[in-house]
Protein backbone atom coordinates (compact mmCIF):
# COMPACT_ATOMS: atom_id res chain seq x y z
CA MET A 1 -20.80 14.62 4.10
CA SER A 2 -17.11 15.48 4.35
CA SER A 3 -14.94 15.35 1.30
CA LYS A 4 -12.00 14.02 3.22
CA LEU A 5 -11.01 10.58 2.01
CA VAL A 6 -8.88 8.06 3.95
CA THR A 7 -7.26 4.94 2.57
CA ILE A 8 -8.22 1.95 4.71
CA ALA A 9 -6.48 -0.73 2.64
CA SER A 10 -4.24 -1.33 -0.29
CA PHE A 11 -4.21 -4.56 -2.31
CA GLU A 12 -1.83 -6.32 -4.64
CA TYR A 13 -4.62 -7.79 -6.66
CA VAL A 14 -7.76 -5.98 -7.86
CA SER A 15 -9.86 -9.02 -7.23
CA ASP A 16 -9.17 -8.89 -3.49
CA LEU A 17 -10.12 -5.21 -3.49
CA GLN A 18 -13.44 -5.95 -5.16
CA VAL A 19 -14.52 -8.28 -2.29
CA LEU A 20 -14.15 -5.62 0.39
CA LYS A 21 -15.63 -2.93 -1.90
CA THR A 22 -18.81 -5.05 -2.42
CA LYS A 23 -19.17 -5.69 1.28
CA LEU A 24 -18.71 -2.05 2.26
CA GLU A 25 -21.19 -0.84 -0.37
CA PHE A 26 -23.71 -3.49 0.79
CA GLU A 27 -23.32 -1.99 4.30
CA GLY A 28 -24.09 1.53 2.89
CA ILE A 29 -20.54 2.89 2.84
CA GLN A 30 -19.46 4.76 -0.24
CA VAL A 31 -16.23 3.50 -1.61
CA ILE A 32 -13.58 5.21 -3.84
CA LEU A 33 -11.09 3.08 -5.62
CA LYS A 34 -7.65 4.43 -6.58
CA ASP A 35 -5.11 2.91 -9.05
CA HIS A 36 -7.31 -0.17 -9.76
CA ASN A 37 -7.52 0.61 -13.51
CA VAL A 38 -3.69 0.94 -13.67
CA LEU A 39 -3.38 -2.54 -12.14
CA ASN A 40 -6.00 -3.93 -14.48
CA SER A 41 -3.95 -2.85 -17.44
CA ASP A 42 -0.51 -3.74 -15.98
CA PRO A 43 -0.56 -5.87 -12.84
CA MET A 44 3.20 -6.15 -12.73
CA ILE A 45 3.56 -2.53 -11.38
CA SER A 46 1.53 -3.13 -8.24
CA TYR A 47 4.46 -2.74 -5.92
CA ALA A 48 5.73 0.39 -7.77
CA ILE A 49 2.53 2.26 -7.12
CA GLY A 50 1.67 0.63 -3.75
CA GLY A 51 -1.18 -1.54 -4.93
CA ALA A 52 -4.80 -0.55 -5.59
CA LYS A 53 -6.22 1.52 -2.79
CA LEU A 54 -9.69 1.52 -1.20
CA GLN A 55 -10.79 4.77 0.21
CA VAL A 56 -13.76 5.86 2.28
CA PHE A 57 -14.92 9.15 3.69
CA LYS A 58 -13.39 10.03 7.12
CA GLU A 59 -16.64 9.70 8.95
CA ASP A 60 -17.09 6.13 7.70
CA GLU A 61 -13.52 5.07 8.52
CA ALA A 62 -14.14 3.33 11.92
CA ARG A 63 -17.16 1.35 10.56
CA ALA A 64 -15.25 0.36 7.41
CA LEU A 65 -12.29 -0.83 9.42
CA GLU A 66 -14.58 -2.94 11.57
CA ILE A 67 -16.06 -4.61 8.53
CA TYR A 68 -12.62 -5.08 6.97
CA ASP A 69 -11.44 -6.79 10.16
CA GLU A 70 -14.38 -9.21 9.98
CA LEU A 71 -13.31 -10.17 6.41
CA ARG A 72 -9.57 -10.48 6.92
CA HIS A 73 -7.85 -13.82 7.09
CA TYR A 74 -5.21 -13.75 9.77
CA ALA A 75 -2.07 -15.97 9.61
CA ILE A 76 -2.37 -19.41 11.12
CA ASP A 77 0.22 -22.04 12.00
CA ASP A 78 0.48 -25.63 10.75
CA GLU A 79 -2.13 -26.77 13.43
CA GLY A 80 -4.63 -24.11 12.31
CA ASN A 81 -4.08 -21.82 15.32
CA LEU A 82 -3.83 -18.09 14.90
CA ILE A 83 -0.29 -16.76 15.07
CA GLN A 84 0.36 -14.89 18.27
CA CYS A 85 2.68 -11.90 18.32
CA PRO A 86 5.50 -12.48 20.76
CA ASN A 87 5.58 -8.74 21.59
CA CYS A 88 1.97 -7.78 22.36
CA LYS A 89 0.29 -11.29 22.33
CA ALA A 90 -2.32 -10.13 19.75
CA GLN A 91 -3.57 -12.74 17.32
CA LYS A 92 -3.92 -10.50 14.36
CA SER A 93 -0.96 -11.13 12.09
CA GLU A 94 -0.66 -11.41 8.41
CA SER A 95 1.92 -13.00 6.17
CA TYR A 96 4.60 -10.49 5.34
CA TYR A 97 7.23 -10.49 2.54
CA GLU A 98 9.85 -7.75 2.35
CA ARG A 99 10.78 -8.30 -1.33
CA LYS A 100 13.91 -6.16 -0.95
CA THR A 101 15.85 -7.70 -3.80
CA ILE A 102 14.95 -7.63 -7.54
CA PHE A 103 15.09 -11.46 -7.36
CA HIS A 104 12.43 -11.62 -4.67
CA LYS A 105 10.34 -9.00 -6.48
CA LEU A 106 10.34 -11.14 -9.58
CA PHE A 107 10.05 -14.50 -7.67
CA PRO A 108 8.33 -13.69 -4.39
CA PHE A 109 7.62 -17.33 -3.63
CA PHE A 110 11.34 -17.95 -2.89
CA GLU A 111 11.40 -15.49 -0.04
CA LYS A 112 11.09 -16.90 3.50
CA ARG A 113 7.65 -16.08 5.02
CA LYS A 114 7.48 -13.70 7.97
CA TYR A 115 4.52 -12.41 9.93
CA LYS A 116 3.58 -8.81 10.72
CA CYS A 117 1.42 -8.03 13.71
CA LEU A 118 -1.38 -5.62 12.75
CA HIS A 119 -1.54 -4.43 16.35
CA CYS A 120 2.07 -3.35 17.07
CA ASN A 121 3.69 -3.89 13.59
CA MET A 122 6.32 -6.26 14.83
CA ILE A 123 7.72 -8.51 12.15
CA THR A 124 8.64 -12.02 13.25
CA LYS A 125 9.72 -15.30 11.66
CA PRO A 126 7.78 -18.47 12.13
């Protein structure tokens, strides 16, 4: 087995990371967690360190990403339909917050929601 690790996801909250970790381990994929203990002791620094990271070995990357895509919850509109990217028409978008100002970092719920397409990385407003 190769010793090359790749980060397949980073999470703001350790609890979200644990769900994916459990599923991947159940599927036989060895998982390495990075920075999760730091966030357990001080969750307020999540953005400063880029969240808790979930890593797998390079040869398991494609399979791990497939499993992660099955578990993801993509953004939906008010009628329950998946948000469609105006650029590439993909229906794999997630809510996105820039949190550029200190105010929005402290109070992220005041920032207007945007969507980020996971296919082409375009950021759009609803």
